[in-house]
Amino acid sequence: MRRELRLRHRLDFQKLRQSGQPFRNKDMMLQITPNSLGHNRYGIIVSKRLGNAVQRNRIRRQLKAILTQRHPQLLQGYDTVWIARQSCTGKPHGALLRIVDDLLHQAAIVDRTHNS
């Protein structure tokens, strides 16, 4: 994921946690707020409660790959934080893809005019 598409600063995460609109399912939570940049930025939170470093990094890598793939299909101008829950551990890539797609549709940021 390109650097300009990542949330990297603690203050950005705190702002989103406090004022972002939440969308949830049993496996993940998405918090979203508009930004003034003209492109989306993504942050991923994977708690230490989810398992060892290998499991946490696996979830993080899969989410980065899914968000990079979905980025062109989304409406732009949002900051998003993706918070993985315990039930995410051990899920295959396809299951995480369905979870992310479900939350993106809940948040209504999928660009329906995009043909891919």
PDB file of N, CA and C in Angstrom:
ATOM      1  N   MET A   1       0.851  -1.172   0.000  1.00  0.00           N
ATOM      2  CA  MET A   1       0.000   0.000   0.000  1.00  0.00           C
ATOM      3  C   MET A   1       0.900   1.238   0.000  1.00  0.00           C
ATOM      4  N   ARG A   2       0.599   2.164  -0.902  1.00  0.00           N
ATOM      5  CA  ARG A   2       1.416   3.370  -1.020  1.00  0.00           C
ATOM      6  C   ARG A   2       1.356   4.200   0.259  1.00  0.00           C
ATOM      7  N   ARG A   3       2.430   4.897   0.534  1.00  0.00           N
ATOM      8  CA  ARG A   3       2.578   5.662   1.768  1.00  0.00           C
ATOM      9  C   ARG A   3       1.472   6.698   1.951  1.00  0.00           C
ATOM     10  N   GLU A   4       1.087   7.375   0.874  1.00  0.00           N
ATOM     11  CA  GLU A   4       0.070   8.428   0.999  1.00  0.00           C
ATOM     12  C   GLU A   4      -1.320   7.857   1.272  1.00  0.00           C
ATOM     13  N   LEU A   5      -1.491   6.553   1.138  1.00  0.00           N
ATOM     14  CA  LEU A   5      -2.781   5.916   1.402  1.00  0.00           C
ATOM     15  C   LEU A   5      -2.879   5.355   2.820  1.00  0.00           C
ATOM     16  N   ARG A   6      -1.823   5.532   3.618  1.00  0.00           N
ATOM     17  CA  ARG A   6      -1.818   4.969   4.964  1.00  0.00           C
ATOM     18  C   ARG A   6      -2.013   6.057   6.011  1.00  0.00           C
ATOM     19  N   LEU A   7      -2.767   5.738   7.042  1.00  0.00           N
ATOM     20  CA  LEU A   7      -2.810   6.574   8.238  1.00  0.00           C
ATOM     21  C   LEU A   7      -1.597   6.169   9.066  1.00  0.00           C
ATOM     22  N   ARG A   8      -0.781   7.142   9.445  1.00  0.00           N
ATOM     23  CA  ARG A   8       0.456   6.790  10.126  1.00  0.00           C
ATOM     24  C   ARG A   8       0.624   7.471  11.473  1.00  0.00           C
ATOM     25  N   HIS A   9      -0.128   8.531  11.718  1.00  0.00           N
ATOM     26  CA  HIS A   9       0.102   9.318  12.929  1.00  0.00           C
ATOM     27  C   HIS A   9      -0.947   9.013  13.994  1.00  0.00           C
ATOM     28  N   ARG A  10      -0.490   8.963  15.215  1.00  0.00           N
ATOM     29  CA  ARG A  10      -1.351   8.657  16.357  1.00  0.00           C
ATOM     30  C   ARG A  10      -2.552   9.598  16.424  1.00  0.00           C
ATOM     31  N   LEU A  11      -2.328  10.880  16.138  1.00  0.00           N
ATOM     32  CA  LEU A  11      -3.400  11.869  16.200  1.00  0.00           C
ATOM     33  C   LEU A  11      -4.515  11.554  15.197  1.00  0.00           C
ATOM     34  N   ASP A  12      -4.145  11.083  14.010  1.00  0.00           N
ATOM     35  CA  ASP A  12      -5.147  10.701  13.006  1.00  0.00           C
ATOM     36  C   ASP A  12      -6.007   9.533  13.505  1.00  0.00           C
ATOM     37  N   PHE A  13      -5.363   8.542  14.118  1.00  0.00           N
ATOM     38  CA  PHE A  13      -6.099   7.399  14.654  1.00  0.00           C
ATOM     39  C   PHE A  13      -7.025   7.843  15.782  1.00  0.00           C
ATOM     40  N   GLN A  14      -6.532   8.714  16.669  1.00  0.00           N
ATOM     41  CA  GLN A  14      -7.348   9.190  17.784  1.00  0.00           C
ATOM     42  C   GLN A  14      -8.558   9.974  17.290  1.00  0.00           C
ATOM     43  N   LYS A  15      -8.352  10.823  16.284  1.00  0.00           N
ATOM     44  CA  LYS A  15      -9.455  11.608  15.732  1.00  0.00           C
ATOM     45  C   LYS A  15     -10.539  10.689  15.165  1.00  0.00           C
ATOM     46  N   LEU A  16     -10.108   9.680  14.442  1.00  0.00           N
ATOM     47  CA  LEU A  16     -11.064   8.735  13.865  1.00  0.00           C
ATOM     48  C   LEU A  16     -11.783   7.929  14.936  1.00  0.00           C
ATOM     49  N   ARG A  17     -11.062   7.515  15.959  1.00  0.00           N
ATOM     50  CA  ARG A  17     -11.683   6.732  17.032  1.00  0.00           C
ATOM     51  C   ARG A  17     -12.733   7.554  17.771  1.00  0.00           C
ATOM     52  N   GLN A  18     -12.495   8.868  17.907  1.00  0.00           N
ATOM     53  CA  GLN A  18     -13.421   9.723  18.652  1.00  0.00           C
ATOM     54  C   GLN A  18     -14.599  10.181  17.805  1.00  0.00           C
ATOM     55  N   SER A  19     -14.350  10.558  16.556  1.00  0.00           N
ATOM     56  CA  SER A  19     -15.416  11.183  15.775  1.00  0.00           C
ATOM     57  C   SER A  19     -15.830  10.395  14.538  1.00  0.00           C
ATOM     58  N   GLY A  20     -15.220   9.256  14.309  1.00  0.00           N
ATOM     59  CA  GLY A  20     -15.560   8.482  13.117  1.00  0.00           C
ATOM     60  C   GLY A  20     -16.885   7.756  13.263  1.00  0.00           C
ATOM     61  N   GLN A  21     -17.552   7.543  12.151  1.00  0.00           N
ATOM     62  CA  GLN A  21     -18.805   6.796  12.152  1.00  0.00           C
ATOM     63  C   GLN A  21     -18.478   5.303  12.112  1.00  0.00           C
ATOM     64  N   PRO A  22     -18.979   4.536  13.086  1.00  0.00           N
ATOM     65  CA  PRO A  22     -18.630   3.110  13.140  1.00  0.00           C
ATOM     66  C   PRO A  22     -19.574   2.231  12.321  1.00  0.00           C
ATOM     67  N   PHE A  23     -18.997   1.197  11.738  1.00  0.00           N
ATOM     68  CA  PHE A  23     -19.742   0.135  11.066  1.00  0.00           C
ATOM     69  C   PHE A  23     -19.145  -1.167  11.573  1.00  0.00           C
ATOM     70  N   ARG A  24     -20.005  -2.111  11.954  1.00  0.00           N
ATOM     71  CA  ARG A  24     -19.510  -3.323  12.604  1.00  0.00           C
ATOM     72  C   ARG A  24     -20.138  -4.573  11.991  1.00  0.00           C
ATOM     73  N   ASN A  25     -19.371  -5.644  12.090  1.00  0.00           N
ATOM     74  CA  ASN A  25     -19.928  -6.981  11.976  1.00  0.00           C
ATOM     75  C   ASN A  25     -19.196  -7.824  13.009  1.00  0.00           C
ATOM     76  N   LYS A  26     -19.457  -9.116  13.058  1.00  0.00           N
ATOM     77  CA  LYS A  26     -18.890  -9.900  14.157  1.00  0.00           C
ATOM     78  C   LYS A  26     -17.377 -10.073  14.056  1.00  0.00           C
ATOM     79  N   ASP A  27     -16.796  -9.829  12.889  1.00  0.00           N
ATOM     80  CA  ASP A  27     -15.374 -10.071  12.699  1.00  0.00           C
ATOM     81  C   ASP A  27     -14.507  -8.817  12.676  1.00  0.00           C
ATOM     82  N   MET A  28     -15.104  -7.668  12.389  1.00  0.00           N
ATOM     83  CA  MET A  28     -14.298  -6.470  12.176  1.00  0.00           C
ATOM     84  C   MET A  28     -15.143  -5.226  12.423  1.00  0.00           C
ATOM     85  N   MET A  29     -14.444  -4.128  12.678  1.00  0.00           N
ATOM     86  CA  MET A  29     -15.116  -2.844  12.827  1.00  0.00           C
ATOM     87  C   MET A  29     -14.420  -1.849  11.907  1.00  0.00           C
ATOM     88  N   LEU A  30     -15.215  -1.000  11.274  1.00  0.00           N
ATOM     89  CA  LEU A  30     -14.715   0.049  10.394  1.00  0.00           C
ATOM     90  C   LEU A  30     -15.170   1.379  10.957  1.00  0.00           C
ATOM     91  N   GLN A  31     -14.244   2.311  11.114  1.00  0.00           N
ATOM     92  CA  GLN A  31     -14.601   3.675  11.484  1.00  0.00           C
ATOM     93  C   GLN A  31     -14.163   4.571  10.346  1.00  0.00           C
ATOM     94  N   ILE A  32     -15.057   5.489   9.968  1.00  0.00           N
ATOM     95  CA  ILE A  32     -14.826   6.281   8.769  1.00  0.00           C
ATOM     96  C   ILE A  32     -15.219   7.729   9.016  1.00  0.00           C
ATOM     97  N   THR A  33     -14.444   8.635   8.440  1.00  0.00           N
ATOM     98  CA  THR A  33     -14.751  10.059   8.495  1.00  0.00           C
ATOM     99  C   THR A  33     -14.231  10.709   7.213  1.00  0.00           C
ATOM    100  N   PRO A  34     -14.904  11.732   6.724  1.00  0.00           N
ATOM    101  CA  PRO A  34     -14.419  12.421   5.518  1.00  0.00           C
ATOM    102  C   PRO A  34     -13.095  13.140   5.781  1.00  0.00           C
ATOM    103  N   ASN A  35     -12.256  13.227   4.758  1.00  0.00           N
ATOM    104  CA  ASN A  35     -11.042  14.040   4.843  1.00  0.00           C
ATOM    105  C   ASN A  35     -11.062  15.048   3.700  1.00  0.00           C
ATOM    106  N   SER A  36     -10.104  15.926   3.675  1.00  0.00           N
ATOM    107  CA  SER A  36     -10.067  16.967   2.637  1.00  0.00           C
ATOM    108  C   SER A  36      -8.950  16.721   1.628  1.00  0.00           C
ATOM    109  N   LEU A  37      -8.486  15.487   1.530  1.00  0.00           N
ATOM    110  CA  LEU A  37      -7.321  15.180   0.694  1.00  0.00           C
ATOM    111  C   LEU A  37      -7.676  14.780  -0.733  1.00  0.00           C
ATOM    112  N   GLY A  38      -8.883  14.349  -0.965  1.00  0.00           N
ATOM    113  CA  GLY A  38      -9.249  13.897  -2.298  1.00  0.00           C
ATOM    114  C   GLY A  38      -8.904  12.444  -2.565  1.00  0.00           C
ATOM    115  N   HIS A  39      -8.328  11.761  -1.595  1.00  0.00           N
ATOM    116  CA  HIS A  39      -8.087  10.321  -1.706  1.00  0.00           C
ATOM    117  C   HIS A  39      -8.299   9.691  -0.337  1.00  0.00           C
ATOM    118  N   ASN A  40      -8.489   8.400  -0.327  1.00  0.00           N
ATOM    119  CA  ASN A  40      -8.711   7.682   0.925  1.00  0.00           C
ATOM    120  C   ASN A  40      -7.392   7.379   1.610  1.00  0.00           C
ATOM    121  N   ARG A  41      -7.469   7.288   2.936  1.00  0.00           N
ATOM    122  CA  ARG A  41      -6.343   6.796   3.729  1.00  0.00           C
ATOM    123  C   ARG A  41      -6.867   5.673   4.616  1.00  0.00           C
ATOM    124  N   TYR A  42      -6.024   4.667   4.827  1.00  0.00           N
ATOM    125  CA  TYR A  42      -6.439   3.474   5.550  1.00  0.00           C
ATOM    126  C   TYR A  42      -5.507   3.224   6.729  1.00  0.00           C
ATOM    127  N   GLY A  43      -6.094   2.889   7.863  1.00  0.00           N
ATOM    128  CA  GLY A  43      -5.346   2.472   9.040  1.00  0.00           C
ATOM    129  C   GLY A  43      -5.853   1.108   9.467  1.00  0.00           C
ATOM    130  N   ILE A  44      -4.964   0.282   9.978  1.00  0.00           N
ATOM    131  CA  ILE A  44      -5.328  -1.071  10.398  1.00  0.00           C
ATOM    132  C   ILE A  44      -4.870  -1.260  11.832  1.00  0.00           C
ATOM    133  N   ILE A  45      -5.791  -1.710  12.684  1.00  0.00           N
ATOM    134  CA  ILE A  45      -5.472  -1.991  14.081  1.00  0.00           C
ATOM    135  C   ILE A  45      -5.704  -3.474  14.319  1.00  0.00           C
ATOM    136  N   VAL A  46      -4.643  -4.155  14.751  1.00  0.00           N
ATOM    137  CA  VAL A  46      -4.725  -5.570  15.093  1.00  0.00           C
ATOM    138  C   VAL A  46      -4.136  -5.707  16.492  1.00  0.00           C
ATOM    139  N   SER A  47      -4.995  -5.930  17.469  1.00  0.00           N
ATOM    140  CA  SER A  47      -4.602  -5.975  18.872  1.00  0.00           C
ATOM    141  C   SER A  47      -3.737  -7.192  19.177  1.00  0.00           C
ATOM    142  N   LYS A  48      -2.931  -7.089  20.209  1.00  0.00           N
ATOM    143  CA  LYS A  48      -2.115  -8.218  20.644  1.00  0.00           C
ATOM    144  C   LYS A  48      -2.969  -9.368  21.162  1.00  0.00           C
ATOM    145  N   ARG A  49      -4.221  -9.091  21.497  1.00  0.00           N
ATOM    146  CA  ARG A  49      -5.124 -10.141  21.967  1.00  0.00           C
ATOM    147  C   ARG A  49      -5.484 -11.125  20.855  1.00  0.00           C
ATOM    148  N   LEU A  50      -5.211 -10.762  19.608  1.00  0.00           N
ATOM    149  CA  LEU A  50      -5.593 -11.612  18.480  1.00  0.00           C
ATOM    150  C   LEU A  50      -4.640 -12.776  18.248  1.00  0.00           C
ATOM    151  N   GLY A  51      -3.538 -12.795  18.932  1.00  0.00           N
ATOM    152  CA  GLY A  51      -2.620 -13.913  18.771  1.00  0.00           C
ATOM    153  C   GLY A  51      -1.181 -13.443  18.744  1.00  0.00           C
ATOM    154  N   ASN A  52      -0.310 -14.341  18.323  1.00  0.00           N
ATOM    155  CA  ASN A  52       1.106 -13.991  18.283  1.00  0.00           C
ATOM    156  C   ASN A  52       1.395 -13.106  17.074  1.00  0.00           C
ATOM    157  N   ALA A  53       2.626 -12.677  16.949  1.00  0.00           N
ATOM    158  CA  ALA A  53       3.007 -11.734  15.893  1.00  0.00           C
ATOM    159  C   ALA A  53       2.745 -12.298  14.498  1.00  0.00           C
ATOM    160  N   VAL A  54       2.939 -13.584  14.325  1.00  0.00           N
ATOM    161  CA  VAL A  54       2.719 -14.201  13.019  1.00  0.00           C
ATOM    162  C   VAL A  54       1.249 -14.080  12.619  1.00  0.00           C
ATOM    163  N   GLN A  55       0.352 -14.372  13.546  1.00  0.00           N
ATOM    164  CA  GLN A  55      -1.084 -14.282  13.256  1.00  0.00           C
ATOM    165  C   GLN A  55      -1.513 -12.840  13.010  1.00  0.00           C
ATOM    166  N   ARG A  56      -1.022 -11.924  13.834  1.00  0.00           N
ATOM    167  CA  ARG A  56      -1.386 -10.508  13.675  1.00  0.00           C
ATOM    168  C   ARG A  56      -0.883  -9.956  12.349  1.00  0.00           C
ATOM    169  N   ASN A  57       0.352 -10.263  12.000  1.00  0.00           N
ATOM    170  CA  ASN A  57       0.918  -9.763  10.745  1.00  0.00           C
ATOM    171  C   ASN A  57       0.229 -10.388   9.534  1.00  0.00           C
ATOM    172  N   ARG A  58      -0.210 -11.625   9.654  1.00  0.00           N
ATOM    173  CA  ARG A  58      -0.944 -12.266   8.563  1.00  0.00           C
ATOM    174  C   ARG A  58      -2.247 -11.518   8.295  1.00  0.00           C
ATOM    175  N   ILE A  59      -2.985 -11.195   9.347  1.00  0.00           N
ATOM    176  CA  ILE A  59      -4.233 -10.428   9.194  1.00  0.00           C
ATOM    177  C   ILE A  59      -3.934  -9.067   8.590  1.00  0.00           C
ATOM    178  N   ARG A  60      -2.898  -8.411   9.092  1.00  0.00           N
ATOM    179  CA  ARG A  60      -2.531  -7.071   8.604  1.00  0.00           C
ATOM    180  C   ARG A  60      -2.164  -7.109   7.117  1.00  0.00           C
ATOM    181  N   ARG A  61      -1.361  -8.080   6.718  1.00  0.00           N
ATOM    182  CA  ARG A  61      -0.972  -8.212   5.308  1.00  0.00           C
ATOM    183  C   ARG A  61      -2.181  -8.474   4.415  1.00  0.00           C
ATOM    184  N   GLN A  62      -3.065  -9.348   4.861  1.00  0.00           N
ATOM    185  CA  GLN A  62      -4.250  -9.653   4.060  1.00  0.00           C
ATOM    186  C   GLN A  62      -5.140  -8.422   3.916  1.00  0.00           C
ATOM    187  N   LEU A  63      -5.342  -7.674   4.997  1.00  0.00           N
ATOM    188  CA  LEU A  63      -6.171  -6.471   4.921  1.00  0.00           C
ATOM    189  C   LEU A  63      -5.547  -5.430   4.006  1.00  0.00           C
ATOM    190  N   LYS A  64      -4.235  -5.256   4.085  1.00  0.00           N
ATOM    191  CA  LYS A  64      -3.563  -4.307   3.189  1.00  0.00           C
ATOM    192  C   LYS A  64      -3.764  -4.701   1.732  1.00  0.00           C
ATOM    193  N   ALA A  65      -3.626  -5.986   1.434  1.00  0.00           N
ATOM    194  CA  ALA A  65      -3.798  -6.454   0.056  1.00  0.00           C
ATOM    195  C   ALA A  65      -5.233  -6.236  -0.422  1.00  0.00           C
ATOM    196  N   ILE A  66      -6.206  -6.525   0.429  1.00  0.00           N
ATOM    197  CA  ILE A  66      -7.613  -6.348   0.054  1.00  0.00           C
ATOM    198  C   ILE A  66      -7.921  -4.877  -0.171  1.00  0.00           C
ATOM    199  N   LEU A  67      -7.457  -4.009   0.726  1.00  0.00           N
ATOM    200  CA  LEU A  67      -7.745  -2.578   0.595  1.00  0.00           C
ATOM    201  C   LEU A  67      -7.045  -1.978  -0.619  1.00  0.00           C
ATOM    202  N   THR A  68      -5.840  -2.435  -0.923  1.00  0.00           N
ATOM    203  CA  THR A  68      -5.142  -1.970  -2.122  1.00  0.00           C
ATOM    204  C   THR A  68      -5.917  -2.388  -3.371  1.00  0.00           C
ATOM    205  N   GLN A  69      -6.455  -3.598  -3.358  1.00  0.00           N
ATOM    206  CA  GLN A  69      -7.242  -4.101  -4.488  1.00  0.00           C
ATOM    207  C   GLN A  69      -8.553  -3.331  -4.629  1.00  0.00           C
ATOM    208  N   ARG A  70      -9.208  -3.015  -3.534  1.00  0.00           N
ATOM    209  CA  ARG A  70     -10.515  -2.350  -3.562  1.00  0.00           C
ATOM    210  C   ARG A  70     -10.418  -0.833  -3.720  1.00  0.00           C
ATOM    211  N   HIS A  71      -9.266  -0.245  -3.476  1.00  0.00           N
ATOM    212  CA  HIS A  71      -9.108   1.216  -3.482  1.00  0.00           C
ATOM    213  C   HIS A  71      -9.674   1.895  -4.732  1.00  0.00           C
ATOM    214  N   PRO A  72      -9.389   1.427  -5.948  1.00  0.00           N
ATOM    215  CA  PRO A  72      -9.919   2.119  -7.134  1.00  0.00           C
ATOM    216  C   PRO A  72     -11.442   2.058  -7.248  1.00  0.00           C
ATOM    217  N   GLN A  73     -12.077   1.120  -6.563  1.00  0.00           N
ATOM    218  CA  GLN A  73     -13.524   0.940  -6.661  1.00  0.00           C
ATOM    219  C   GLN A  73     -14.292   1.756  -5.623  1.00  0.00           C
ATOM    220  N   LEU A  74     -13.584   2.532  -4.800  1.00  0.00           N
ATOM    221  CA  LEU A  74     -14.222   3.246  -3.696  1.00  0.00           C
ATOM    222  C   LEU A  74     -14.352   4.732  -3.988  1.00  0.00           C
ATOM    223  N   LEU A  75     -15.378   5.335  -3.393  1.00  0.00           N
ATOM    224  CA  LEU A  75     -15.482   6.788  -3.408  1.00  0.00           C
ATOM    225  C   LEU A  75     -14.300   7.338  -2.628  1.00  0.00           C
ATOM    226  N   GLN A  76     -13.728   8.433  -3.081  1.00  0.00           N
ATOM    227  CA  GLN A  76     -12.507   8.964  -2.481  1.00  0.00           C
ATOM    228  C   GLN A  76     -12.818  10.112  -1.517  1.00  0.00           C
ATOM    229  N   GLY A  77     -11.874  10.371  -0.605  1.00  0.00           N
ATOM    230  CA  GLY A  77     -12.003  11.473   0.332  1.00  0.00           C
ATOM    231  C   GLY A  77     -12.394  11.034   1.733  1.00  0.00           C
ATOM    232  N   TYR A  78     -11.978   9.823   2.140  1.00  0.00           N
ATOM    233  CA  TYR A  78     -12.318   9.313   3.468  1.00  0.00           C
ATOM    234  C   TYR A  78     -11.071   8.783   4.170  1.00  0.00           C
ATOM    235  N   ASP A  79     -11.057   8.944   5.491  1.00  0.00           N
ATOM    236  CA  ASP A  79     -10.094   8.258   6.339  1.00  0.00           C
ATOM    237  C   ASP A  79     -10.825   7.075   6.957  1.00  0.00           C
ATOM    238  N   THR A  80     -10.203   5.910   6.927  1.00  0.00           N
ATOM    239  CA  THR A  80     -10.836   4.718   7.485  1.00  0.00           C
ATOM    240  C   THR A  80      -9.864   4.004   8.410  1.00  0.00           C
ATOM    241  N   VAL A  81     -10.399   3.476   9.503  1.00  0.00           N
ATOM    242  CA  VAL A  81      -9.629   2.622  10.397  1.00  0.00           C
ATOM    243  C   VAL A  81     -10.349   1.283  10.471  1.00  0.00           C
ATOM    244  N   TRP A  82      -9.609   0.236  10.211  1.00  0.00           N
ATOM    245  CA  TRP A  82     -10.118  -1.131  10.229  1.00  0.00           C
ATOM    246  C   TRP A  82      -9.604  -1.798  11.491  1.00  0.00           C
ATOM    247  N   ILE A  83     -10.509  -2.274  12.342  1.00  0.00           N
ATOM    248  CA  ILE A  83     -10.142  -2.880  13.618  1.00  0.00           C
ATOM    249  C   ILE A  83     -10.551  -4.350  13.579  1.00  0.00           C
ATOM    250  N   ALA A  84      -9.553  -5.226  13.592  1.00  0.00           N
ATOM    251  CA  ALA A  84      -9.808  -6.664  13.534  1.00  0.00           C
ATOM    252  C   ALA A  84     -10.229  -7.163  14.910  1.00  0.00           C
ATOM    253  N   ARG A  85     -11.162  -8.101  14.917  1.00  0.00           N
ATOM    254  CA  ARG A  85     -11.614  -8.730  16.152  1.00  0.00           C
ATOM    255  C   ARG A  85     -11.072 -10.153  16.223  1.00  0.00           C
ATOM    256  N   GLN A  86     -11.215 -10.757  17.395  1.00  0.00           N
ATOM    257  CA  GLN A  86     -10.661 -12.083  17.660  1.00  0.00           C
ATOM    258  C   GLN A  86     -11.090 -13.114  16.613  1.00  0.00           C
ATOM    259  N   SER A  87     -12.313 -13.014  16.134  1.00  0.00           N
ATOM    260  CA  SER A  87     -12.817 -14.024  15.194  1.00  0.00           C
ATOM    261  C   SER A  87     -12.151 -13.945  13.817  1.00  0.00           C
ATOM    262  N   CYS A  88     -11.339 -12.922  13.577  1.00  0.00           N
ATOM    263  CA  CYS A  88     -10.616 -12.793  12.296  1.00  0.00           C
ATOM    264  C   CYS A  88      -9.451 -13.768  12.180  1.00  0.00           C
ATOM    265  N   THR A  89      -8.918 -14.190  13.309  1.00  0.00           N
ATOM    266  CA  THR A  89      -7.734 -15.043  13.262  1.00  0.00           C
ATOM    267  C   THR A  89      -8.066 -16.374  12.599  1.00  0.00           C
ATOM    268  N   GLY A  90      -7.200 -16.778  11.708  1.00  0.00           N
ATOM    269  CA  GLY A  90      -7.351 -18.054  11.034  1.00  0.00           C
ATOM    270  C   GLY A  90      -8.305 -18.050   9.852  1.00  0.00           C
ATOM    271  N   LYS A  91      -8.914 -16.916   9.554  1.00  0.00           N
ATOM    272  CA  LYS A  91      -9.842 -16.851   8.413  1.00  0.00           C
ATOM    273  C   LYS A  91      -9.038 -16.826   7.115  1.00  0.00           C
ATOM    274  N   PRO A  92      -9.508 -17.531   6.090  1.00  0.00           N
ATOM    275  CA  PRO A  92      -8.827 -17.476   4.796  1.00  0.00           C
ATOM    276  C   PRO A  92      -9.048 -16.128   4.116  1.00  0.00           C
ATOM    277  N   HIS A  93      -8.238 -15.869   3.109  1.00  0.00           N
ATOM    278  CA  HIS A  93      -8.281 -14.589   2.396  1.00  0.00           C
ATOM    279  C   HIS A  93      -9.678 -14.292   1.842  1.00  0.00           C
ATOM    280  N   GLY A  94     -10.325 -15.270   1.281  1.00  0.00           N
ATOM    281  CA  GLY A  94     -11.658 -15.080   0.709  1.00  0.00           C
ATOM    282  C   GLY A  94     -12.686 -14.645   1.742  1.00  0.00           C
ATOM    283  N   ALA A  95     -12.588 -15.194   2.949  1.00  0.00           N
ATOM    284  CA  ALA A  95     -13.517 -14.812   4.015  1.00  0.00           C
ATOM    285  C   ALA A  95     -13.275 -13.366   4.439  1.00  0.00           C
ATOM    286  N   LEU A  96     -12.002 -12.975   4.560  1.00  0.00           N
ATOM    287  CA  LEU A  96     -11.702 -11.582   4.911  1.00  0.00           C
ATOM    288  C   LEU A  96     -12.166 -10.631   3.809  1.00  0.00           C
ATOM    289  N   LEU A  97     -12.049 -11.045   2.568  1.00  0.00           N
ATOM    290  CA  LEU A  97     -12.520 -10.231   1.444  1.00  0.00           C
ATOM    291  C   LEU A  97     -14.026  -9.981   1.549  1.00  0.00           C
ATOM    292  N   ARG A  98     -14.787 -11.020   1.882  1.00  0.00           N
ATOM    293  CA  ARG A  98     -16.238 -10.861   2.049  1.00  0.00           C
ATOM    294  C   ARG A  98     -16.565  -9.947   3.228  1.00  0.00           C
ATOM    295  N   ILE A  99     -15.809 -10.052   4.315  1.00  0.00           N
ATOM    296  CA  ILE A  99     -16.024  -9.209   5.496  1.00  0.00           C
ATOM    297  C   ILE A  99     -15.785  -7.744   5.138  1.00  0.00           C
ATOM    298  N   VAL A 100     -14.670  -7.469   4.453  1.00  0.00           N
ATOM    299  CA  VAL A 100     -14.342  -6.095   4.055  1.00  0.00           C
ATOM    300  C   VAL A 100     -15.403  -5.555   3.101  1.00  0.00           C
ATOM    301  N   ASP A 101     -15.800  -6.355   2.120  1.00  0.00           N
ATOM    302  CA  ASP A 101     -16.826  -5.911   1.169  1.00  0.00           C
ATOM    303  C   ASP A 101     -18.139  -5.590   1.876  1.00  0.00           C
ATOM    304  N   ASP A 102     -18.506  -6.415   2.851  1.00  0.00           N
ATOM    305  CA  ASP A 102     -19.733  -6.168   3.614  1.00  0.00           C
ATOM    306  C   ASP A 102     -19.668  -4.815   4.325  1.00  0.00           C
ATOM    307  N   LEU A 103     -18.547  -4.524   4.972  1.00  0.00           N
ATOM    308  CA  LEU A 103     -18.407  -3.252   5.688  1.00  0.00           C
ATOM    309  C   LEU A 103     -18.352  -2.068   4.726  1.00  0.00           C
ATOM    310  N   LEU A 104     -17.714  -2.230   3.588  1.00  0.00           N
ATOM    311  CA  LEU A 104     -17.671  -1.148   2.601  1.00  0.00           C
ATOM    312  C   LEU A 104     -19.067  -0.827   2.076  1.00  0.00           C
ATOM    313  N   HIS A 105     -19.882  -1.855   1.885  1.00  0.00           N
ATOM    314  CA  HIS A 105     -21.253  -1.616   1.428  1.00  0.00           C
ATOM    315  C   HIS A 105     -22.098  -0.993   2.538  1.00  0.00           C
ATOM    316  N   GLN A 106     -21.877  -1.404   3.789  1.00  0.00           N
ATOM    317  CA  GLN A 106     -22.576  -0.768   4.912  1.00  0.00           C
ATOM    318  C   GLN A 106     -22.258   0.720   4.964  1.00  0.00           C
ATOM    319  N   ALA A 107     -20.987   1.052   4.756  1.00  0.00           N
ATOM    320  CA  ALA A 107     -20.553   2.450   4.824  1.00  0.00           C
ATOM    321  C   ALA A 107     -20.939   3.228   3.574  1.00  0.00           C
ATOM    322  N   ALA A 108     -21.386   2.545   2.542  1.00  0.00           N
ATOM    323  CA  ALA A 108     -21.837   3.163   1.285  1.00  0.00           C
ATOM    324  C   ALA A 108     -20.744   4.000   0.627  1.00  0.00           C
ATOM    325  N   ILE A 109     -19.513   3.463   0.597  1.00  0.00           N
ATOM    326  CA  ILE A 109     -18.434   4.180  -0.085  1.00  0.00           C
ATOM    327  C   ILE A 109     -17.952   3.434  -1.328  1.00  0.00           C
ATOM    328  N   VAL A 110     -18.707   2.421  -1.751  1.00  0.00           N
ATOM    329  CA  VAL A 110     -18.380   1.716  -2.989  1.00  0.00           C
ATOM    330  C   VAL A 110     -18.913   2.544  -4.146  1.00  0.00           C
ATOM    331  N   ASP A 111     -18.048   2.828  -5.110  1.00  0.00           N
ATOM    332  CA  ASP A 111     -18.432   3.606  -6.289  1.00  0.00           C
ATOM    333  C   ASP A 111     -19.154   2.685  -7.262  1.00  0.00           C
ATOM    334  N   ARG A 112     -20.448   2.830  -7.358  1.00  0.00           N
ATOM    335  CA  ARG A 112     -21.265   1.939  -8.194  1.00  0.00           C
ATOM    336  C   ARG A 112     -21.055   2.179  -9.690  1.00  0.00           C
ATOM    337  N   THR A 113     -20.448   3.301 -10.061  1.00  0.00           N
ATOM    338  CA  THR A 113     -20.209   3.582 -11.482  1.00  0.00           C
ATOM    339  C   THR A 113     -18.936   2.928 -11.984  1.00  0.00           C
ATOM    340  N   HIS A 114     -18.096   2.414 -11.060  1.00  0.00           N
ATOM    341  CA  HIS A 114     -16.840   1.764 -11.446  1.00  0.00           C
ATOM    342  C   HIS A 114     -17.156   0.403 -12.038  1.00  0.00           C
ATOM    343  N   ASN A 115     -16.527   0.059 -13.136  1.00  0.00           N
ATOM    344  CA  ASN A 115     -16.856  -1.161 -13.867  1.00  0.00           C
ATOM    345  C   ASN A 115     -16.092  -2.396 -13.437  1.00  0.00           C
ATOM    346  N   SER A 116     -15.102  -2.286 -12.557  1.00  0.00           N
ATOM    347  CA  SER A 116     -14.319  -3.471 -12.178  1.00  0.00           C
ATOM    348  C   SER A 116     -14.976  -4.248 -11.075  1.00  0.00           C
TER     349      SER A 116
END
